[in-house]
Protein backbone atom coordinates (compact mmCIF):
# COMPACT_ATOMS: atom_id res chain seq x y z
CA MET A 1 272.39 -114.99 1.07
CA PRO A 2 271.44 -114.99 -2.70
CA LEU A 3 272.78 -117.73 -4.89
CA LEU A 4 275.11 -115.36 -6.62
CA ARG A 5 276.75 -113.81 -3.57
CA VAL A 6 277.40 -117.56 -2.35
CA LEU A 7 279.19 -118.34 -5.81
CA HIS A 8 281.13 -115.01 -5.60
CA TYR A 9 282.41 -116.16 -1.93
CA LEU A 10 283.20 -119.60 -3.31
CA TRP A 11 284.97 -118.29 -6.33
CA ALA A 12 286.99 -115.95 -4.37
CA SER A 13 287.73 -118.72 -1.60
CA PRO A 14 291.01 -120.11 -2.33
CA ALA A 15 292.33 -116.57 -1.88
CA THR A 16 290.42 -115.75 1.14
CA ALA A 17 291.79 -119.05 2.78
CA LEU A 18 295.10 -117.70 2.24
CA GLY A 19 294.17 -114.41 3.86
CA LEU A 20 292.53 -115.55 6.64
CA LEU A 21 295.83 -117.43 7.59
CA PHE A 22 297.01 -114.15 8.92
CA ALA A 23 294.20 -114.31 11.35
CA PRO A 24 295.55 -116.22 14.27
CA ALA A 25 299.16 -114.48 13.59
CA ALA A 26 297.37 -111.22 14.33
CA TRP A 27 295.20 -112.18 17.14
CA MET A 28 297.81 -114.16 19.19
CA SER A 29 300.26 -110.98 18.75
CA GLY A 30 297.82 -108.33 19.79
CA GLY A 31 296.11 -107.70 16.52
CA ARG A 32 292.47 -107.69 15.93
CA VAL A 33 289.94 -109.53 13.41
CA ARG A 34 286.39 -108.33 12.73
CA CYS A 35 283.85 -108.74 9.76
CA VAL A 36 282.78 -105.67 8.11
CA ASP A 37 280.57 -105.60 5.20
CA GLY A 38 280.93 -109.20 4.54
CA VAL A 39 285.05 -108.86 4.54
CA VAL A 40 287.31 -110.31 7.28
CA GLU A 41 289.59 -107.12 8.17
CA ILE A 42 292.89 -108.11 10.23
CA HIS A 43 295.16 -105.79 11.27
CA GLY A 44 297.79 -105.29 13.98
CA GLY A 45 300.44 -107.49 15.75
CA LEU A 46 302.71 -109.42 13.03
CA VAL A 47 300.35 -108.43 10.20
CA GLN A 48 301.35 -104.88 10.81
CA ARG A 49 305.29 -106.09 10.91
CA PHE A 50 304.73 -107.87 7.64
CA LEU A 51 303.11 -104.99 5.80
CA ALA A 52 305.50 -102.31 7.06
CA GLN A 53 308.53 -104.58 6.57
CA GLY A 54 307.84 -104.49 2.65
CA LEU A 55 306.47 -106.62 -0.25
CA PRO A 56 308.63 -107.35 -3.41
CA VAL A 57 308.01 -104.60 -5.97
CA ILE A 58 305.96 -102.26 -4.13
CA GLY A 59 307.54 -102.25 -0.56
CA SER A 60 305.76 -101.48 2.47
CA ALA A 61 301.80 -101.42 2.04
CA SER A 62 299.05 -100.10 4.37
CA ALA A 63 296.85 -103.04 3.42
CA MET A 64 296.19 -105.94 1.09
CA THR A 65 293.44 -107.73 -0.07
CA LEU A 66 293.06 -111.58 -0.50
CA GLY A 67 289.70 -112.81 -1.50
CA HIS A 68 287.31 -111.55 1.21
CA ALA A 69 290.02 -111.15 3.60
CA VAL A 70 291.90 -107.59 4.16
CA ILE A 71 295.16 -107.26 5.78
CA GLY A 72 296.01 -103.87 7.11
CA GLN A 73 299.02 -102.37 9.40
CA ASP A 74 296.13 -100.60 11.74
CA GLN A 75 292.56 -99.81 11.90
CA ALA A 76 293.41 -96.32 10.53
CA CYS A 77 294.89 -97.92 7.58
CA LEU A 78 291.88 -100.09 6.84
CA ASP A 79 289.56 -97.27 7.23
CA ASP A 80 291.60 -94.95 5.16
CA SER A 81 291.82 -97.67 2.27
CA ARG A 82 288.32 -99.37 2.69
CA THR A 83 286.96 -98.02 -0.72
CA HIS A 84 290.21 -99.22 -2.56
CA GLU A 85 290.58 -102.52 -1.13
CA ARG A 86 286.93 -103.44 -1.71
CA VAL A 87 287.41 -102.75 -5.45
CA HIS A 88 290.22 -105.55 -5.15
CA VAL A 89 287.39 -107.72 -3.47
CA ARG A 90 285.20 -107.42 -6.21
CA GLN A 91 288.09 -108.26 -8.53
CA TYR A 92 288.66 -111.53 -6.78
CA GLU A 93 284.97 -111.84 -7.16
CA ARG A 94 285.42 -111.83 -10.88
CA TRP A 95 288.67 -113.58 -11.19
CA GLY A 96 288.77 -116.10 -8.30
CA PRO A 97 291.53 -118.18 -8.14
CA LEU A 98 293.08 -116.62 -11.27
CA MET A 99 293.53 -113.27 -9.70
CA ILE A 100 296.71 -113.82 -7.83
CA PRO A 101 298.49 -115.16 -11.04
CA ALA A 102 296.84 -112.32 -13.11
CA TYR A 103 297.91 -109.63 -10.66
CA LEU A 104 301.39 -110.95 -10.81
CA LEU A 105 301.48 -111.24 -14.62
CA ALA A 106 300.08 -107.70 -14.99
CA SER A 107 302.75 -106.49 -12.77
CA LEU A 108 305.14 -108.15 -14.62
CA TRP A 109 303.91 -107.07 -17.94
CA ALA A 110 304.18 -103.58 -16.65
CA TYR A 111 307.65 -104.22 -15.53
CA LEU A 112 308.76 -105.23 -18.91
CA ARG A 113 307.43 -102.24 -20.46
CA ARG A 114 309.53 -100.15 -18.28
CA ARG A 115 306.41 -98.92 -16.22
CA HIS A 116 305.81 -99.13 -12.39
CA PRO A 117 304.69 -102.75 -11.47
CA TYR A 118 302.42 -101.34 -8.87
CA TRP A 119 300.88 -97.95 -9.94
CA ASP A 120 300.83 -99.28 -13.75
CA ASN A 121 299.18 -102.50 -12.59
CA PRO A 122 295.51 -102.43 -14.28
CA PHE A 123 294.08 -103.75 -11.14
CA GLU A 124 295.45 -100.98 -9.03
CA ARG A 125 294.69 -98.64 -11.65
CA GLU A 126 290.98 -99.81 -11.51
CA ALA A 127 291.19 -99.73 -7.55
CA ASN A 128 292.79 -96.27 -7.52
CA GLN A 129 290.18 -94.73 -10.19
CA ILE A 130 287.08 -95.92 -8.28
CA SER A 131 288.48 -95.05 -4.89
CA ASP A 132 289.28 -91.67 -6.12
CA ARG A 133 285.94 -91.09 -7.13
CA GLY A 134 284.69 -92.34 -3.69
CA GLU A 135 282.84 -95.33 -5.23
CA ALA A 136 283.09 -99.24 -4.33
């Protein structure tokens, strides 16, 4: 693995560690864990319930990225959102441990400007633009 790639994984590793906490919960409740193109994908079981139940600000989600880990409600959600979520993986590679606070601040900034904290978040806008073009 090239040094730059290793550095990307290390820089994003705090968020990845957070995402990997979902793996045992999914696995022990009937979900699945697998690695796809260097990203750990976790779905089903308690993860499905967590995402379906709803997240603050955006409500339910089909998938969510934390570093090099993506949690999804089910395999179909992961398949359908893979391009979008891979954009977030690249964002974590750029922002590293600053990504989560930056994302939350961007949502707060959108909200304070009477915009939607999810749809008008620049991180989501970038992911939507790239995934709409079919790139990643």
